[in-house]
Protein backbone atom coordinates (compact mmCIF):
# COMPACT_ATOMS: atom_id res chain seq x y z
CA UNK A 1 0.00 0.00 0.00
CA UNK A 2 3.08 2.26 -0.34
CA UNK A 3 3.25 2.70 3.44
CA UNK A 4 6.69 2.68 5.04
CA UNK A 5 6.00 1.50 8.59
CA UNK A 6 9.61 1.71 9.74
CA UNK A 7 12.28 -0.86 10.42
CA UNK A 8 14.78 -2.39 8.06
CA UNK A 9 11.83 -3.70 6.08
CA UNK A 10 10.71 -0.09 5.65
CA UNK A 11 14.15 0.85 4.38
CA UNK A 12 13.89 -2.14 2.03
CA UNK A 13 10.58 -0.79 0.69
CA UNK A 14 12.25 2.56 0.00
CA UNK A 15 15.16 0.79 -1.71
CA UNK A 16 12.77 -1.18 -3.88
CA UNK A 17 10.96 1.96 -4.97
CA UNK A 18 14.14 3.89 -5.76
CA UNK A 19 16.46 1.21 -7.11
CA UNK A 20 14.21 -1.85 -7.56
CA UNK A 21 16.19 -3.85 -4.99
CA UNK A 22 14.51 -7.08 -3.81
CA UNK A 23 13.08 -6.75 -0.32
CA UNK A 24 14.71 -9.93 1.00
CA UNK A 25 18.18 -8.89 -0.24
CA UNK A 26 18.06 -5.47 1.45
CA UNK A 27 16.65 -6.94 4.66
CA UNK A 28 19.46 -9.51 4.82
CA UNK A 29 22.33 -7.15 3.99
CA UNK A 30 21.29 -4.42 6.45
CA UNK A 31 20.98 -6.92 9.30
CA UNK A 32 24.61 -8.08 9.08
CA UNK A 33 26.16 -5.17 11.08
CA UNK A 34 23.31 -5.34 13.60
CA UNK A 35 23.99 -9.04 14.17
CA UNK A 36 27.66 -8.34 14.74
CA UNK A 37 26.81 -5.68 17.35
CA UNK A 38 24.18 -7.91 18.91
CA UNK A 39 26.60 -10.80 19.25
CA UNK A 40 29.09 -8.58 21.05
CA UNK A 41 26.53 -7.05 23.45
CA UNK A 42 23.83 -9.70 23.96
CA UNK A 43 25.70 -12.96 23.35
CA UNK A 44 25.22 -15.97 21.10
CA UNK A 45 22.01 -17.23 22.78
CA UNK A 46 20.19 -14.01 21.90
CA UNK A 47 21.63 -13.93 18.38
CA UNK A 48 20.76 -17.57 17.69
CA UNK A 49 17.04 -17.05 18.25
CA UNK A 50 17.05 -13.75 16.38
CA UNK A 51 18.94 -15.25 13.44
CA UNK A 52 16.22 -17.88 13.08
CA UNK A 53 13.47 -15.23 13.13
CA UNK A 54 15.33 -12.93 10.72
CA UNK A 55 15.94 -15.71 8.21
CA UNK A 56 12.25 -16.61 8.27
CA UNK A 57 11.32 -12.96 7.71
CA UNK A 58 13.63 -12.71 4.69
CA UNK A 59 12.20 -15.98 3.33
CA UNK A 60 8.69 -14.57 3.79
CA UNK A 61 9.68 -11.46 1.82
CA UNK A 62 10.87 -13.74 -0.98
CA UNK A 63 7.85 -16.06 -1.01
CA UNK A 64 4.81 -13.92 -0.22
CA UNK A 65 3.26 -12.22 -3.25
CA UNK A 66 3.00 -8.46 -3.29
CA UNK A 67 -0.45 -7.05 -3.73
CA UNK A 68 -3.05 -4.57 -2.51
CA UNK A 69 -5.47 -6.80 -0.60
CA UNK A 70 -7.71 -3.98 0.63
CA UNK A 71 -8.15 -1.92 -2.50
CA UNK A 72 -7.82 1.84 -2.02
CA UNK A 73 -8.49 1.72 1.73
CA UNK A 74 -5.36 3.01 3.43
CA UNK A 75 -7.06 3.32 6.82
CA UNK A 76 -7.98 -0.38 7.02
CA UNK A 77 -4.54 -1.28 5.69
CA UNK A 78 -2.89 0.82 8.40
CA UNK A 79 -5.11 -0.45 11.23
CA UNK A 80 -5.08 -4.16 10.48
CA UNK A 81 -1.54 -4.15 9.11
CA UNK A 82 -0.38 -2.52 12.35
CA UNK A 83 -2.37 -4.94 14.51
CA UNK A 84 -1.11 -8.04 12.69
CA UNK A 85 2.47 -6.76 12.74
CA UNK A 86 2.11 -5.97 16.45
CA UNK A 87 0.94 -9.51 17.18
CA UNK A 88 3.89 -11.00 15.31
CA UNK A 89 6.41 -8.60 16.83
CA UNK A 90 5.02 -9.07 20.34
CA UNK A 91 5.18 -12.87 20.10
CA UNK A 92 8.76 -12.75 18.84
CA UNK A 93 9.88 -10.29 21.54
CA UNK A 94 8.07 -12.30 24.24
CA UNK A 95 10.12 -15.29 23.07
CA UNK A 96 13.32 -13.46 23.95
CA UNK A 97 14.47 -12.53 20.47
CA UNK A 98 13.72 -10.14 17.61
CA UNK A 99 13.25 -10.27 13.87
CA UNK A 100 16.42 -8.26 13.35
CA UNK A 101 16.42 -4.74 11.98
CA UNK A 102 15.16 -1.99 14.26
CA UNK A 103 13.72 -4.70 16.55
CA UNK A 104 17.26 -5.80 17.33
CA UNK A 105 18.54 -2.23 17.44
CA UNK A 106 15.78 -1.37 19.93
CA UNK A 107 16.71 -4.38 22.09
CA UNK A 108 20.36 -3.26 22.05
CA UNK A 109 19.39 0.30 23.02
CA UNK A 110 17.17 -1.02 25.83
CA UNK A 111 20.20 -2.78 27.30
CA UNK A 112 21.58 0.73 27.93
CA UNK A 113 18.24 2.41 28.75
CA UNK A 114 16.13 -0.24 30.58
CA UNK A 115 13.46 2.26 31.70
CA UNK A 116 12.12 2.34 28.13
CA UNK A 117 10.30 -0.65 26.64
CA UNK A 118 11.50 -2.21 23.39
CA UNK A 119 8.22 -1.26 21.71
CA UNK A 120 8.64 2.41 22.73
CA UNK A 121 12.17 2.56 21.34
CA UNK A 122 10.97 0.89 18.15
CA UNK A 123 8.33 3.58 17.71
CA UNK A 124 11.03 6.28 17.70
CA UNK A 125 13.31 4.38 15.32
CA UNK A 126 10.45 3.48 13.02
CA UNK A 127 9.27 7.08 13.06
CA UNK A 128 12.63 8.17 11.64
CA UNK A 129 12.30 5.61 8.85
CA UNK A 130 8.76 6.84 8.14
CA UNK A 131 10.09 10.38 7.72
CA UNK A 132 12.50 9.04 5.10
CA UNK A 133 9.63 7.17 3.46
CA UNK A 134 7.57 10.36 3.32
CA UNK A 135 10.14 11.90 0.99
CA UNK A 136 9.62 8.99 -1.42
CA UNK A 137 5.91 8.10 -1.16
CA UNK A 138 4.50 11.41 0.05
CA UNK A 139 3.14 12.77 3.31
CA UNK A 140 -0.30 11.10 2.98
CA UNK A 141 1.13 7.58 2.98
CA UNK A 142 3.50 8.53 5.82
CA UNK A 143 0.64 9.74 8.03
CA UNK A 144 -1.22 6.47 7.54
CA UNK A 145 2.02 4.64 8.31
CA UNK A 146 2.16 6.42 11.67
CA UNK A 147 -1.27 4.96 12.50
CA UNK A 148 0.06 1.49 11.71
CA UNK A 149 3.14 2.07 13.90
CA UNK A 150 0.97 3.24 16.82
CA UNK A 151 -1.23 0.13 16.55
CA UNK A 152 1.83 -2.10 16.31
CA UNK A 153 3.41 -0.58 19.43
CA UNK A 154 0.24 -0.89 21.52
CA UNK A 155 -0.43 -4.50 20.52
CA UNK A 156 3.22 -5.54 20.96
CA UNK A 157 3.39 -3.88 24.39
CA UNK A 158 0.19 -5.64 25.43
CA UNK A 159 1.51 -9.05 24.43
CA UNK A 160 4.87 -8.48 26.13
CA UNK A 161 3.53 -7.04 29.39
CA UNK A 162 0.41 -9.21 29.61
CA UNK A 163 -3.18 -8.78 28.59
CA UNK A 164 -4.87 -9.91 31.82
CA UNK A 165 -5.88 -6.68 33.50
CA UNK A 166 -7.17 -6.30 37.05
CA UNK A 167 -8.30 -3.46 39.31
CA UNK A 168 -6.76 -2.35 42.60
CA UNK A 169 -8.66 -0.40 45.23
CA UNK A 170 -7.47 1.65 48.21
CA UNK A 171 -10.27 2.26 50.73
CA UNK A 172 -10.01 4.78 53.57
CA UNK A 173 -12.88 4.52 56.06
CA UNK A 174 -13.59 4.43 59.80
CA UNK A 175 -15.64 1.28 59.10
CA UNK A 176 -12.68 -0.58 57.68
CA UNK A 177 -13.32 -3.77 59.65
CA UNK A 178 -16.90 -4.17 58.39
CA UNK A 179 -15.86 -3.40 54.81
CA UNK A 180 -12.93 -5.84 54.95
CA UNK A 181 -15.08 -8.62 56.39
CA UNK A 182 -17.72 -8.11 53.68
CA UNK A 183 -15.13 -8.26 50.89
CA UNK A 184 -13.52 -11.39 52.30
CA UNK A 185 -16.80 -13.23 52.98
CA UNK A 186 -19.03 -12.13 50.11
CA UNK A 187 -16.39 -11.89 47.38
CA UNK A 188 -13.83 -14.35 48.74
CA UNK A 189 -11.06 -11.87 48.02
CA UNK A 190 -8.11 -11.07 50.23
CA UNK A 191 -7.76 -7.66 51.84
CA UNK A 192 -4.61 -6.06 53.26
CA UNK A 193 -4.70 -3.43 55.99
CA UNK A 194 -2.10 -0.64 55.76
CA UNK A 195 -1.30 1.90 58.46
CA UNK A 196 -1.76 5.51 57.41
CA UNK A 197 -1.70 8.93 59.00
CA UNK A 198 -3.87 11.86 57.97
CA UNK A 199 -1.54 14.84 57.56
CA UNK A 200 -4.38 17.36 57.97
CA UNK A 201 -6.25 15.71 60.87
CA UNK A 202 -3.20 14.11 62.46
CA UNK A 203 -5.20 10.93 63.05
CA UNK A 204 -3.99 7.42 62.39
CA UNK A 205 -6.12 5.66 59.79
CA UNK A 206 -6.43 2.18 58.38
CA UNK A 207 -6.17 1.87 54.60
CA UNK A 208 -7.62 -1.24 52.96
CA UNK A 209 -5.91 -2.54 49.84
CA UNK A 210 -7.32 -5.23 47.57
CA UNK A 211 -7.00 -6.43 43.98
CA UNK A 212 -10.00 -7.81 42.08
CA UNK A 213 -11.11 -8.66 38.55
CA UNK A 214 -12.39 -5.65 36.53
CA UNK A 215 -16.04 -6.76 36.76
CA UNK A 216 -15.76 -7.13 40.58
CA UNK A 217 -14.93 -3.48 41.19
CA UNK A 218 -18.66 -2.68 41.02
CA UNK A 219 -19.26 -5.03 43.96
CA UNK A 220 -16.45 -3.30 45.89
CA UNK A 221 -18.20 0.05 45.43
CA UNK A 222 -21.52 -1.39 46.59
CA UNK A 223 -19.97 -2.84 49.76
CA UNK A 224 -18.19 0.41 50.63
CA UNK A 225 -21.34 2.46 50.01
CA UNK A 226 -23.33 0.08 52.23
CA UNK A 227 -21.11 0.57 55.30
CA UNK A 228 -19.73 4.07 54.72
CA UNK A 229 -21.11 6.32 51.96
CA UNK A 230 -18.48 8.92 52.86
CA UNK A 231 -15.50 6.59 52.45
CA UNK A 232 -12.57 7.65 50.29
CA UNK A 233 -11.93 5.08 47.51
CA UNK A 234 -9.13 5.07 44.93
CA UNK A 235 -9.43 2.66 41.98
CA UNK A 236 -6.77 2.12 39.32
CA UNK A 237 -5.81 -0.40 36.64
CA UNK A 238 -3.28 -3.16 37.25
CA UNK A 239 -1.46 -4.72 34.30
CA UNK A 240 -0.61 -8.12 35.78
CA UNK A 241 -1.26 -9.88 39.09
CA UNK A 242 0.54 -13.13 39.87
CA UNK A 243 -0.62 -15.49 42.58
CA UNK A 244 -3.65 -17.41 43.78
CA UNK A 245 -6.85 -16.33 42.09
CA UNK A 246 -5.04 -14.48 39.30
CA UNK A 247 -2.19 -15.50 36.97
CA UNK A 248 -0.48 -18.72 38.03
CA UNK A 249 3.33 -18.70 38.04
């Protein structure tokens, strides 16, 4: 669809448009220096898995036919192309390797900057490739490519970090014992009591902490409202919860 979605494969698309270079040749050649750097920094175990994935990607470039499967609909191409790419990228990264290219470069950068996720670094690198693609295919195709990159990053992050979401609740109330008992008995969920101190009132308070499934947060609200309509409740999302009643180790 003439969309450069970043990565070495995006550079290969640009090379094919400008010089008619085969996609699989460009993808293979550009990965050689990245593999050398990866071997030095990450070791042979990392490179071995990535080499397998990169070879399969180059083979796919060689075998799969080129064609516009969703005629003249760049939005659907960007959305579903980004989602499918995100699923593939997320599965590969979750397996402890990459498909080479900017995936590998992002993994190498993350070794130096661990507070960024691989998918976030890839978005920056791929964005630079998209800018280069905009000079070849035009700004319209580049803007659609950014949509695909955003979808890819979100889906890949979700697969890597886990898709089983939960809710956590902090409850501050003078009726903490009644609320805790109701949660434990009616919902069969554990509750932890934390010691707190009100900085304005100077009083010591009990803070209840519990983690439940998203659909159970409504029941938490009902229990709190039953015993103390004036209770202070904080609810937030939790990405993953390991342990009994949630994700098994």
